[in-house]
Amino acid sequence: MTHVYHVIHWVSTSTVMNSLSCIRSYPIAPFLFSSLLLRPPLKFVPPQKCNYSSDTSLALDKVDIDSAENEISRRNKRIDYKLRGKGRNFVDFVRVAAKGGSGGDGCVAFHREKYVAKGPPSGGNGGRGGNVILMASLRETTLNHIPYLCGAGRGGNGLGEQKQGYTGKDLIIHVPLGTVVREVDPPKPKEVEEEMVESEDEKRKKRWVLYPRYEVDGSGKADFFEDAERLIEEEEQYFRRCQRREPPQKLHLDLSTAGEQVQIASGGRGGYGNPYFLTTANRSPKFATRGTPGQMRYLELELKTIADAGLVGLPNAGKSTFLSAVSNAHPKIAPYPFTTLNPYIGTVDFADGYQLTVADIPGLIEGAHRNVGLGHSFLRHVERSKVLVYVVDVAAERPWEHFRTLLGELEAYREGLTARPSLVVANKADLTEQAKGNLEEFEQIVKEEIREAEVMVVPVSAMYKKNILKVTTLLRQMVEKVKTQEALERTQEDTNDEIL
């Protein structure tokens, strides 16, 4: 402490130059007198004024405009990328082989502790295999993420000290709303192989877990093994009888409610540990059973789009333009046929918060009901629509023939489909005098073609958004009427069920 005081006193009474020499001699001085350290002066750089000529300013403005246009184009591509399933291909039909997880094997173990050389059997049972579950989700719009083979997790093997194996992890497959599930027969093998007759030893290896250095002779009578085999065989016969009493029916489901779950393949049962075979005669069983394999099912998944209204029309009739005019969707629009290749759903928002969905179905051609031009892939998405909206180009020659083609294809695909509530949108009605002349004749032919119900023909210009408000108002009235009728029918069905 005295040494430090002398250093401080000596430095404070010396000149600045002597202080700097002391700083070099004593490392403690810079920390005590940081103000004595000399710092280099900062350089001052005066701001420079830049003078641009008129040509340079125009060039910079052009660069700014180009960059803004590129940014807008990039954002539009990003929006289209998200709306079309994040760049993935649209798939509405897949085949799936679903397999439940196998059960875990039972454990052969014996209790051990201090002063206990050989305790009772303590092997745990195997865990149950995982299940394969389908779940309807609002986030999914396609089936392309589902692989052909879908397998759940295997159950864990049993452990000592009566510890049961863990349960296999369930596989939950998210599918879009409107997915139809159908069970089909398993595929036939390419070559018919002769069934190999398994020996008794091979059968035992598949069924049993044996204690180390434990052997079973050919007769199967070592250490009460024959009794254990008879017990397991009786149990398997019981399960087979239960299946014959209630044979599993083939699945045919329709997942149309968000969050709805259905189990399509169940996991296998876990094997028994050696305490299961403990008897008064056999106090130390040295065998356990293996887990059973999981259930295997072959399915077909078919997506049928669910929307309040479905747009039906020939290629290049203006369906995508109409959808972009009435909703928040941004479908691809181009002056050539078959621009829309996948179903596109948009939401119409009203001022009071009411919403309805409109599906843009790819253009139909003559012969679509015979699957010409992937007709079935397009027509299946119309089945769920509550209201059909026929979009017809009245600027074309003889537009009523286009309308007749649409009616014929829908009725040939499914009888009674054209009897649904319908609305006819006469698009491009403002283009030419021919379109205005076709409109009156077109309205008369529509009334003659559909006599059972009153169908309104609304002339619009989707490109310039003319008369769009009238179409959306009519659509809302029609959709609300259909939903009210469906609610009354469900209420009547529930009442009848309660009476029965």
Protein backbone atom coordinates (compact mmCIF):
# COMPACT_ATOMS: atom_id res chain seq x y z
CA MET A 1 0.00 0.00 0.00
CA THR A 2 2.96 2.34 0.84
CA HIS A 3 4.56 1.54 -2.51
CA VAL A 4 1.43 2.52 -4.43
CA TYR A 5 1.18 5.86 -2.51
CA HIS A 6 4.76 6.81 -3.39
CA VAL A 7 4.12 6.07 -7.05
CA ILE A 8 1.02 8.27 -7.09
CA HIS A 9 2.77 11.15 -5.31
CA TRP A 10 5.80 11.00 -7.59
CA VAL A 11 3.74 11.02 -10.75
CA SER A 12 1.54 13.89 -9.63
CA THR A 13 4.55 16.19 -8.95
CA SER A 14 6.40 15.52 -12.18
CA THR A 15 6.03 17.04 -15.58
CA VAL A 16 3.99 15.54 -18.31
CA MET A 17 7.06 14.16 -20.11
CA ASN A 18 8.35 12.56 -16.95
CA SER A 19 4.89 11.13 -16.37
CA LEU A 20 4.92 9.49 -19.78
CA SER A 21 8.32 7.97 -19.03
CA CYS A 22 6.95 6.67 -15.75
CA ILE A 23 3.99 5.16 -17.57
CA ARG A 24 6.44 3.12 -19.60
CA SER A 25 8.25 2.05 -16.43
CA TYR A 26 5.17 1.31 -14.32
CA PRO A 27 2.31 -0.60 -16.03
CA ILE A 28 -0.11 0.44 -13.30
CA ALA A 29 0.06 4.13 -14.24
CA PRO A 30 -2.13 4.07 -17.43
CA PHE A 31 -5.00 2.56 -15.51
CA LEU A 32 -4.71 5.22 -12.81
CA PHE A 33 -4.20 8.19 -15.18
CA SER A 34 -5.94 7.39 -18.44
CA SER A 35 -6.21 11.12 -19.24
CA LEU A 36 -2.41 11.26 -19.66
CA LEU A 37 -2.57 9.00 -22.72
CA LEU A 38 -2.23 10.94 -25.98
CA ARG A 39 -4.91 10.23 -28.60
CA PRO A 40 -4.48 11.07 -32.30
CA PRO A 41 -6.73 13.90 -33.53
CA LEU A 42 -9.78 13.01 -35.62
CA LYS A 43 -9.67 13.94 -39.29
CA PHE A 44 -12.43 16.26 -40.48
CA VAL A 45 -13.74 15.48 -43.94
CA PRO A 46 -15.90 18.32 -45.34
CA PRO A 47 -19.09 17.24 -47.12
CA GLN A 48 -18.84 17.26 -50.87
CA LYS A 49 -21.68 18.63 -52.95
CA CYS A 50 -22.60 16.50 -55.95
CA ASN A 51 -23.98 18.24 -59.00
CA TYR A 52 -25.90 16.06 -61.48
CA SER A 53 -26.84 17.02 -64.95
CA SER A 54 -30.32 16.57 -66.35
CA ASP A 55 -29.25 13.44 -68.26
CA THR A 56 -27.88 11.89 -65.09
CA SER A 57 -31.09 12.67 -63.19
CA LEU A 58 -33.19 11.04 -65.91
CA ALA A 59 -30.96 7.99 -65.81
CA LEU A 60 -31.31 7.72 -62.04
CA ASP A 61 -35.09 8.12 -62.28
CA LYS A 62 -35.21 5.34 -64.85
CA VAL A 63 -33.16 3.07 -62.57
CA ASP A 64 -35.58 3.79 -59.71
CA ILE A 65 -38.59 2.98 -61.89
CA ASP A 66 -37.00 -0.26 -63.10
CA SER A 67 -36.15 -1.33 -59.56
CA ALA A 68 -39.71 -0.54 -58.40
CA GLU A 69 -41.17 -2.57 -61.27
CA ASN A 70 -38.86 -5.46 -60.46
CA GLU A 71 -39.91 -5.31 -56.82
CA ILE A 72 -43.60 -5.33 -57.76
CA SER A 73 -43.03 -8.26 -60.12
CA ARG A 74 -41.13 -10.14 -57.42
CA ARG A 75 -43.92 -9.60 -54.89
CA ASN A 76 -46.58 -10.73 -57.36
CA LYS A 77 -44.61 -13.88 -58.07
CA ARG A 78 -44.28 -14.46 -54.34
CA ILE A 79 -48.04 -14.08 -53.83
CA ASP A 80 -48.77 -16.42 -56.72
CA TYR A 81 -46.22 -18.89 -55.32
CA LYS A 82 -48.00 -18.99 -51.97
CA LEU A 83 -51.53 -19.15 -53.38
CA ARG A 84 -50.68 -22.00 -55.73
CA GLY A 85 -49.42 -24.28 -52.96
CA LYS A 86 -45.91 -22.83 -52.45
CA GLY A 87 -44.58 -23.93 -55.79
CA ARG A 88 -45.74 -27.50 -55.54
CA ASN A 89 -47.65 -29.39 -58.22
CA PHE A 90 -51.35 -29.85 -57.68
CA VAL A 91 -52.35 -33.50 -57.10
CA ASP A 92 -55.95 -34.52 -56.45
CA PHE A 93 -55.66 -38.34 -56.63
CA VAL A 94 -53.15 -40.65 -54.94
CA ARG A 95 -52.88 -44.29 -53.93
CA VAL A 96 -51.58 -45.05 -50.45
CA ALA A 97 -50.38 -48.17 -48.66
CA ALA A 98 -50.90 -47.49 -44.94
CA LYS A 99 -49.20 -49.77 -42.41
CA GLY A 100 -49.56 -49.61 -38.66
CA GLY A 101 -46.45 -49.95 -36.55
CA SER A 102 -45.43 -53.39 -35.31
CA GLY A 103 -45.69 -54.13 -31.62
CA GLY A 104 -42.56 -54.33 -29.50
CA ASP A 105 -41.16 -57.65 -28.27
CA GLY A 106 -41.64 -58.88 -24.74
CA CYS A 107 -38.62 -59.13 -22.45
CA VAL A 108 -37.11 -62.18 -20.73
CA ALA A 109 -35.59 -60.95 -17.46
CA PHE A 110 -35.35 -61.93 -13.80
CA HIS A 111 -35.26 -59.80 -10.70
CA ARG A 112 -31.78 -59.23 -9.27
CA GLU A 113 -30.71 -57.52 -6.07
CA LYS A 114 -28.29 -57.96 -3.21
CA TYR A 115 -28.50 -61.38 -1.55
CA VAL A 116 -30.97 -62.52 -4.23
CA ALA A 117 -29.15 -64.71 -6.73
CA LYS A 118 -32.16 -65.57 -8.84
CA GLY A 119 -35.41 -63.72 -8.34
CA PRO A 120 -38.81 -64.05 -9.99
CA PRO A 121 -39.40 -63.19 -13.68
CA SER A 122 -39.54 -59.42 -14.26
CA GLY A 123 -39.62 -58.91 -18.02
CA GLY A 124 -41.96 -56.17 -19.28
CA ASN A 125 -44.42 -56.39 -22.16
CA GLY A 126 -43.70 -54.81 -25.52
CA GLY A 127 -45.30 -51.51 -26.46
CA ARG A 128 -48.18 -51.19 -28.90
CA GLY A 129 -47.39 -50.06 -32.45
CA GLY A 130 -48.44 -46.65 -33.70
CA ASN A 131 -51.60 -45.98 -35.72
CA VAL A 132 -51.97 -44.26 -39.09
CA ILE A 133 -54.51 -41.42 -38.88
CA LEU A 134 -55.97 -39.12 -41.54
CA MET A 135 -56.85 -35.59 -40.43
CA ALA A 136 -58.76 -32.98 -42.45
CA SER A 137 -56.89 -29.67 -42.41
CA LEU A 138 -57.70 -26.20 -43.74
CA ARG A 139 -54.03 -25.54 -44.49
CA GLU A 140 -53.67 -28.27 -47.09
CA THR A 141 -54.84 -27.75 -50.67
CA THR A 142 -53.29 -30.72 -52.48
CA LEU A 143 -52.37 -34.38 -51.97
CA ASN A 144 -48.87 -34.25 -53.44
CA HIS A 145 -47.16 -34.39 -50.03
CA ILE A 146 -48.50 -37.89 -49.26
CA PRO A 147 -46.08 -40.74 -50.11
CA TYR A 148 -47.22 -44.13 -51.35
CA LEU A 149 -46.04 -46.03 -48.27
CA CYS A 150 -47.15 -44.49 -44.97
CA GLY A 151 -45.95 -46.36 -41.89
CA ALA A 152 -46.38 -45.55 -38.21
CA GLY A 153 -43.72 -46.03 -35.54
CA ARG A 154 -42.81 -49.39 -34.04
CA GLY A 155 -43.49 -50.08 -30.38
CA GLY A 156 -40.56 -50.37 -28.00
CA ASN A 157 -39.35 -53.67 -26.57
CA GLY A 158 -40.08 -54.49 -22.95
CA LEU A 159 -37.37 -54.04 -20.32
CA GLY A 160 -36.48 -55.56 -17.00
CA GLU A 161 -38.11 -54.66 -13.67
CA GLN A 162 -41.58 -54.95 -15.25
CA LYS A 163 -40.98 -51.94 -17.52
CA GLN A 164 -43.29 -51.94 -20.51
CA GLY A 165 -42.02 -50.78 -23.89
CA TYR A 166 -43.03 -47.35 -25.17
CA THR A 167 -45.99 -46.96 -27.50
CA GLY A 168 -45.12 -46.41 -31.16
CA LYS A 169 -45.56 -42.90 -32.55
CA ASP A 170 -48.78 -42.33 -34.49
CA LEU A 171 -48.50 -41.08 -38.05
CA ILE A 172 -50.97 -38.23 -38.69
CA ILE A 173 -51.46 -37.42 -42.38
CA HIS A 174 -53.02 -34.01 -43.05
CA VAL A 175 -55.35 -33.95 -46.05
CA PRO A 176 -57.45 -31.11 -47.54
CA LEU A 177 -61.13 -30.72 -46.82
CA GLY A 178 -63.25 -32.70 -49.26
CA THR A 179 -60.93 -35.71 -49.45
CA VAL A 180 -62.72 -38.99 -50.22
CA VAL A 181 -61.07 -42.15 -48.85
CA ARG A 182 -61.76 -45.53 -50.47
CA GLU A 183 -60.20 -48.86 -49.54
CA VAL A 184 -59.17 -51.07 -52.46
CA ASP A 185 -57.92 -54.63 -52.81
CA PRO A 186 -54.18 -55.17 -52.35
CA PRO A 187 -52.18 -55.27 -55.58
CA LYS A 188 -51.54 -58.69 -57.02
CA PRO A 189 -47.91 -59.82 -57.11
CA LYS A 190 -46.26 -59.81 -60.51
CA GLU A 191 -45.19 -63.42 -60.18
CA VAL A 192 -47.06 -66.06 -58.22
CA GLU A 193 -44.55 -67.57 -55.85
CA GLU A 194 -45.00 -70.99 -54.33
CA GLU A 195 -45.66 -70.86 -50.63
CA MET A 196 -42.71 -72.15 -48.68
CA VAL A 197 -43.60 -74.46 -45.83
CA GLU A 198 -41.95 -73.06 -42.73
CA SER A 199 -40.33 -75.41 -40.29
CA GLU A 200 -41.18 -75.43 -36.60
CA ASP A 201 -37.89 -73.71 -35.76
CA GLU A 202 -38.61 -70.84 -38.18
CA LYS A 203 -42.10 -70.37 -36.76
CA ARG A 204 -40.72 -70.23 -33.23
CA LYS A 205 -38.12 -67.62 -34.18
CA LYS A 206 -40.88 -65.36 -35.51
CA ARG A 207 -43.08 -65.81 -32.45
CA TRP A 208 -40.78 -66.24 -29.45
CA VAL A 209 -37.97 -64.44 -27.67
CA LEU A 210 -35.74 -66.91 -25.82
CA TYR A 211 -33.42 -66.44 -22.86
CA PRO A 212 -29.69 -66.55 -23.76
CA ARG A 213 -28.36 -70.11 -24.06
CA TYR A 214 -31.90 -71.42 -23.79
CA GLU A 215 -32.77 -74.09 -26.34
CA VAL A 216 -35.93 -75.94 -27.22
CA ASP A 217 -35.73 -79.47 -28.50
CA GLY A 218 -37.61 -80.72 -31.53
CA SER A 219 -40.55 -82.00 -29.51
CA GLY A 220 -41.11 -78.59 -27.89
CA LYS A 221 -41.40 -79.96 -24.35
CA ALA A 222 -38.40 -78.29 -22.73
CA ASP A 223 -39.36 -76.35 -19.59
CA PHE A 224 -43.11 -76.28 -20.20
CA PHE A 225 -42.65 -74.63 -23.60
CA GLU A 226 -45.40 -76.72 -25.13
CA ASP A 227 -47.94 -75.35 -22.64
CA ALA A 228 -46.91 -71.78 -23.47
CA GLU A 229 -47.29 -72.41 -27.20
CA ARG A 230 -50.76 -73.85 -26.64
CA LEU A 231 -51.73 -70.77 -24.62
CA ILE A 232 -50.63 -68.34 -27.34
CA GLU A 233 -52.31 -70.42 -30.05
CA GLU A 234 -55.61 -70.32 -28.17
CA GLU A 235 -55.33 -66.55 -27.85
CA GLU A 236 -54.69 -66.12 -31.57
CA GLN A 237 -57.67 -68.34 -32.36
CA TYR A 238 -59.81 -66.10 -30.16
CA PHE A 239 -58.79 -63.00 -32.13
CA ARG A 240 -59.47 -64.79 -35.41
CA ARG A 241 -62.96 -65.76 -34.23
CA CYS A 242 -63.67 -62.15 -33.29
CA GLN A 243 -62.67 -61.03 -36.78
CA ARG A 244 -64.95 -63.61 -38.38
CA ARG A 245 -67.88 -62.43 -36.28
CA GLU A 246 -67.31 -58.81 -37.23
CA PRO A 247 -65.38 -58.80 -40.50
CA PRO A 248 -63.68 -55.44 -41.11
CA GLN A 249 -65.61 -53.46 -43.69
CA LYS A 250 -63.83 -51.60 -46.43
CA LEU A 251 -63.37 -47.94 -45.71
CA HIS A 252 -65.36 -45.35 -47.63
CA LEU A 253 -65.09 -41.97 -45.95
CA ASP A 254 -65.62 -38.32 -46.77
CA LEU A 255 -63.50 -35.89 -44.74
CA SER A 256 -65.40 -32.63 -45.09
CA THR A 257 -65.07 -31.15 -41.56
CA ALA A 258 -61.96 -29.32 -40.36
CA GLY A 259 -60.15 -31.28 -37.64
CA GLU A 260 -61.97 -34.54 -38.40
CA GLN A 261 -59.77 -37.58 -37.73
CA VAL A 262 -60.12 -41.20 -38.80
CA GLN A 263 -57.84 -44.16 -38.09
CA ILE A 264 -57.04 -46.08 -41.26
CA ALA A 265 -54.45 -48.60 -39.97
CA SER A 266 -54.03 -49.80 -36.39
CA GLY A 267 -50.77 -50.75 -34.75
CA GLY A 268 -49.82 -54.28 -33.72
CA ARG A 269 -50.06 -55.66 -30.20
CA GLY A 270 -46.99 -55.78 -28.01
CA GLY A 271 -45.45 -59.10 -27.05
CA TYR A 272 -45.80 -60.63 -23.58
CA GLY A 273 -42.93 -60.62 -21.10
CA ASN A 274 -41.93 -63.83 -19.32
CA PRO A 275 -44.07 -63.09 -16.19
CA TYR A 276 -47.12 -63.78 -18.38
CA PHE A 277 -46.12 -67.47 -18.54
CA LEU A 278 -45.50 -67.85 -14.81
CA THR A 279 -47.34 -70.88 -13.36
CA THR A 280 -47.19 -72.92 -10.18
CA ALA A 281 -45.26 -75.59 -12.05
CA ASN A 282 -42.97 -73.27 -14.03
CA ARG A 283 -41.54 -70.64 -11.66
CA SER A 284 -38.87 -69.30 -14.04
CA PRO A 285 -40.14 -69.09 -17.64
CA LYS A 286 -37.30 -68.29 -20.02
CA PHE A 287 -39.31 -67.20 -23.03
CA ALA A 288 -41.44 -64.26 -24.18
CA THR A 289 -43.41 -63.46 -27.32
CA ARG A 290 -42.66 -61.04 -30.11
CA GLY A 291 -44.97 -58.20 -31.10
CA THR A 292 -47.53 -58.67 -33.86
CA PRO A 293 -47.24 -56.76 -37.16
CA GLY A 294 -49.43 -53.73 -37.74
CA GLN A 295 -52.48 -53.59 -39.97
CA MET A 296 -51.93 -53.03 -43.69
CA ARG A 297 -54.47 -51.25 -45.88
CA TYR A 298 -54.44 -50.03 -49.47
CA LEU A 299 -56.38 -46.82 -50.08
CA GLU A 300 -57.27 -44.32 -52.77
CA LEU A 301 -57.48 -40.65 -51.80
CA GLU A 302 -59.45 -38.35 -54.08
CA LEU A 303 -59.78 -34.61 -53.52
CA LYS A 304 -63.04 -32.91 -54.42
CA THR A 305 -62.86 -29.17 -53.86
CA ILE A 306 -65.41 -27.70 -51.46
CA ALA A 307 -66.69 -24.24 -52.41
CA ASP A 308 -69.95 -22.32 -52.20
CA ALA A 309 -69.97 -21.58 -55.93
CA GLY A 310 -68.17 -23.25 -58.82
CA LEU A 311 -67.30 -21.51 -62.09
CA VAL A 312 -67.97 -23.66 -65.16
CA GLY A 313 -67.06 -22.63 -68.68
CA LEU A 314 -65.16 -23.41 -71.84
CA PRO A 315 -61.47 -22.48 -72.12
CA ASN A 316 -60.75 -18.75 -72.43
CA ALA A 317 -64.28 -17.75 -71.42
CA GLY A 318 -62.98 -15.37 -68.74
CA LYS A 319 -63.47 -17.46 -65.58
CA SER A 320 -60.14 -16.47 -64.02
CA THR A 321 -60.73 -12.80 -64.84
CA PHE A 322 -64.17 -13.02 -63.26
CA LEU A 323 -62.73 -14.69 -60.14
CA SER A 324 -60.10 -11.97 -59.73
CA ALA A 325 -62.82 -9.33 -60.13
CA VAL A 326 -65.14 -10.69 -57.43
CA SER A 327 -62.65 -12.12 -54.90
CA ASN A 328 -59.20 -11.72 -53.40
CA ALA A 329 -57.68 -14.44 -55.59
CA HIS A 330 -54.92 -13.78 -58.13
CA PRO A 331 -55.19 -16.54 -60.74
CA LYS A 332 -53.06 -16.54 -63.84
CA ILE A 333 -54.76 -14.64 -66.68
CA ALA A 334 -53.62 -14.87 -70.30
CA PRO A 335 -55.23 -14.53 -73.77
CA TYR A 336 -54.89 -18.24 -74.63
CA PRO A 337 -56.90 -21.36 -73.70
CA PHE A 338 -56.12 -23.61 -70.73
CA THR A 339 -54.37 -20.90 -68.72
CA THR A 340 -55.89 -22.37 -65.55
CA LEU A 341 -54.73 -25.96 -65.05
CA ASN A 342 -55.63 -26.43 -61.37
CA PRO A 343 -58.71 -25.54 -59.30
CA TYR A 344 -58.36 -22.09 -57.76
CA ILE A 345 -60.45 -20.90 -54.80
CA GLY A 346 -61.13 -17.26 -53.98
CA THR A 347 -63.06 -15.64 -51.13
CA VAL A 348 -65.67 -12.92 -51.70
CA ASP A 349 -65.71 -10.47 -48.77
CA PHE A 350 -68.84 -8.41 -48.13
CA ALA A 351 -69.06 -5.16 -46.18
CA ASP A 352 -70.94 -6.78 -43.28
CA GLY A 353 -68.26 -9.46 -42.82
CA TYR A 354 -70.07 -12.23 -44.70
CA GLN A 355 -67.85 -14.45 -46.86
CA LEU A 356 -68.42 -17.02 -49.57
CA THR A 357 -65.94 -19.07 -51.58
CA VAL A 358 -65.79 -19.36 -55.36
CA ALA A 359 -63.86 -22.12 -57.17
CA ASP A 360 -62.36 -21.56 -60.60
CA ILE A 361 -62.51 -24.92 -62.39
CA PRO A 362 -60.20 -25.45 -65.40
CA GLY A 363 -61.94 -25.10 -68.75
CA LEU A 364 -64.06 -27.99 -70.02
CA ILE A 365 -64.09 -29.27 -73.57
CA GLU A 366 -66.49 -31.46 -75.49
CA GLY A 367 -66.14 -35.05 -74.31
CA ALA A 368 -65.01 -34.15 -70.79
CA HIS A 369 -67.48 -36.66 -69.30
CA ARG A 370 -65.50 -39.39 -71.13
CA ASN A 371 -62.32 -38.06 -69.47
CA VAL A 372 -61.26 -36.27 -72.66
CA GLY A 373 -58.71 -33.61 -71.79
CA LEU A 374 -58.55 -34.72 -68.13
CA GLY A 375 -62.27 -34.08 -67.89
CA HIS A 376 -62.85 -36.21 -64.79
CA SER A 377 -60.03 -34.46 -62.97
CA PHE A 378 -61.84 -31.16 -63.52
CA LEU A 379 -65.46 -32.26 -63.16
CA ARG A 380 -64.95 -33.89 -59.77
CA HIS A 381 -64.32 -30.44 -58.30
CA VAL A 382 -67.78 -29.24 -59.35
CA GLU A 383 -69.68 -31.92 -57.39
CA ARG A 384 -69.33 -30.15 -54.02
CA SER A 385 -70.38 -26.67 -55.16
CA LYS A 386 -73.71 -25.47 -53.78
CA VAL A 387 -74.28 -23.11 -56.74
CA LEU A 388 -73.09 -23.48 -60.34
CA VAL A 389 -72.01 -20.35 -62.21
CA TYR A 390 -71.86 -20.77 -65.99
CA VAL A 391 -69.40 -18.30 -67.50
CA VAL A 392 -70.07 -17.85 -71.23
CA ASP A 393 -68.28 -15.59 -73.71
CA VAL A 394 -71.15 -13.80 -75.46
CA ALA A 395 -68.71 -12.06 -77.82
CA ALA A 396 -68.02 -15.41 -79.52
CA GLU A 397 -70.06 -16.80 -82.38
CA ARG A 398 -73.17 -18.70 -81.28
CA PRO A 399 -72.49 -18.56 -77.50
CA TRP A 400 -75.63 -20.59 -76.82
CA GLU A 401 -73.89 -23.61 -78.32
CA HIS A 402 -71.18 -23.20 -75.68
CA PHE A 403 -73.85 -23.19 -72.99
CA ARG A 404 -75.45 -26.35 -74.40
CA THR A 405 -72.06 -28.05 -74.41
CA LEU A 406 -71.57 -27.24 -70.72
CA LEU A 407 -75.01 -28.57 -69.80
CA GLY A 408 -74.45 -31.76 -71.76
CA GLU A 409 -71.05 -32.47 -70.20
CA LEU A 410 -72.26 -31.90 -66.63
CA GLU A 411 -75.37 -34.02 -67.07
CA ALA A 412 -73.41 -36.82 -68.77
CA TYR A 413 -70.86 -36.84 -65.96
CA ARG A 414 -73.47 -37.04 -63.19
CA GLU A 415 -77.20 -37.14 -63.71
CA GLY A 416 -79.02 -34.33 -61.95
CA LEU A 417 -75.95 -32.11 -61.61
CA THR A 418 -77.49 -29.38 -63.77
CA ALA A 419 -80.57 -29.26 -61.51
CA ARG A 420 -78.61 -27.39 -58.85
CA PRO A 421 -79.17 -23.66 -58.31
CA SER A 422 -77.42 -21.93 -61.19
CA LEU A 423 -76.48 -18.50 -62.43
CA VAL A 424 -75.33 -17.61 -65.95
CA VAL A 425 -72.69 -14.89 -66.34
CA ALA A 426 -72.60 -13.44 -69.86
CA ASN A 427 -69.01 -12.22 -69.92
CA LYS A 428 -67.46 -9.74 -72.40
CA ALA A 429 -70.88 -8.23 -73.05
CA ASP A 430 -69.38 -4.78 -73.70
CA LEU A 431 -66.82 -5.64 -76.37
CA THR A 432 -68.65 -5.60 -79.70
CA GLU A 433 -72.04 -4.96 -81.20
CA GLN A 434 -72.21 -8.67 -81.97
CA ALA A 435 -72.00 -9.42 -78.23
CA LYS A 436 -74.88 -7.05 -77.52
CA GLY A 437 -76.91 -8.67 -80.28
CA ASN A 438 -76.15 -12.19 -79.05
CA LEU A 439 -77.24 -11.33 -75.52
CA GLU A 440 -81.00 -11.19 -76.19
CA GLU A 441 -81.04 -14.45 -78.14
CA PHE A 442 -78.79 -16.07 -75.54
CA GLU A 443 -81.17 -15.17 -72.70
CA GLN A 444 -84.11 -16.69 -74.59
CA ILE A 445 -82.25 -19.96 -75.28
CA VAL A 446 -81.16 -20.26 -71.62
CA LYS A 447 -84.80 -20.08 -70.51
CA GLU A 448 -85.70 -22.80 -73.02
CA GLU A 449 -82.83 -25.10 -72.00
CA ILE A 450 -83.49 -24.88 -68.24
CA ARG A 451 -87.24 -24.90 -67.74
CA GLU A 452 -87.38 -26.53 -64.31
CA ALA A 453 -85.92 -23.55 -62.47
CA GLU A 454 -85.60 -19.86 -63.14
CA VAL A 455 -82.02 -19.10 -64.15
CA MET A 456 -80.90 -15.50 -64.39
CA VAL A 457 -78.51 -14.28 -67.08
CA VAL A 458 -76.35 -11.37 -65.90
CA PRO A 459 -74.26 -9.49 -68.49
CA VAL A 460 -70.90 -8.40 -67.08
CA SER A 461 -67.48 -7.18 -68.08
CA ALA A 462 -65.02 -8.99 -65.84
CA MET A 463 -62.05 -7.07 -67.20
CA TYR A 464 -63.53 -3.67 -66.33
CA LYS A 465 -65.50 -4.96 -63.31
CA LYS A 466 -68.87 -3.82 -64.64
CA ASN A 467 -72.06 -5.22 -63.08
CA ILE A 468 -69.98 -7.32 -60.64
CA LEU A 469 -71.89 -6.12 -57.58
CA LYS A 470 -75.14 -7.54 -58.96
CA VAL A 471 -73.52 -10.95 -59.49
CA THR A 472 -72.08 -11.15 -55.98
CA THR A 473 -75.41 -10.08 -54.46
CA LEU A 474 -77.28 -12.80 -56.36
CA LEU A 475 -74.65 -15.38 -55.42
CA ARG A 476 -74.98 -14.54 -51.76
CA GLN A 477 -78.76 -14.86 -51.86
CA MET A 478 -78.56 -18.24 -53.61
CA VAL A 479 -75.88 -19.65 -51.29
CA GLU A 480 -77.73 -18.52 -48.15
CA LYS A 481 -80.93 -20.16 -49.44
CA VAL A 482 -79.14 -23.48 -50.07
CA LYS A 483 -77.48 -23.42 -46.64
CA THR A 484 -80.82 -22.75 -44.96
CA GLN A 485 -82.40 -25.72 -46.73
CA GLU A 486 -79.49 -27.98 -45.74
CA ALA A 487 -79.77 -26.90 -42.10
CA LEU A 488 -83.52 -27.69 -42.10
CA GLU A 489 -82.87 -31.13 -43.60
CA ARG A 490 -80.24 -31.92 -40.95
CA THR A 491 -82.61 -30.82 -38.19
CA GLN A 492 -85.35 -33.04 -39.61
CA GLU A 493 -82.99 -36.02 -39.78
CA ASP A 494 -81.90 -35.53 -36.16
CA THR A 495 -85.54 -35.35 -35.08
CA ASN A 496 -86.36 -38.59 -36.90
CA ASP A 497 -83.36 -40.33 -35.32
CA GLU A 498 -84.49 -39.28 -31.83
CA ILE A 499 -88.00 -40.64 -32.50
CA LEU A 500 -86.62 -43.97 -33.67
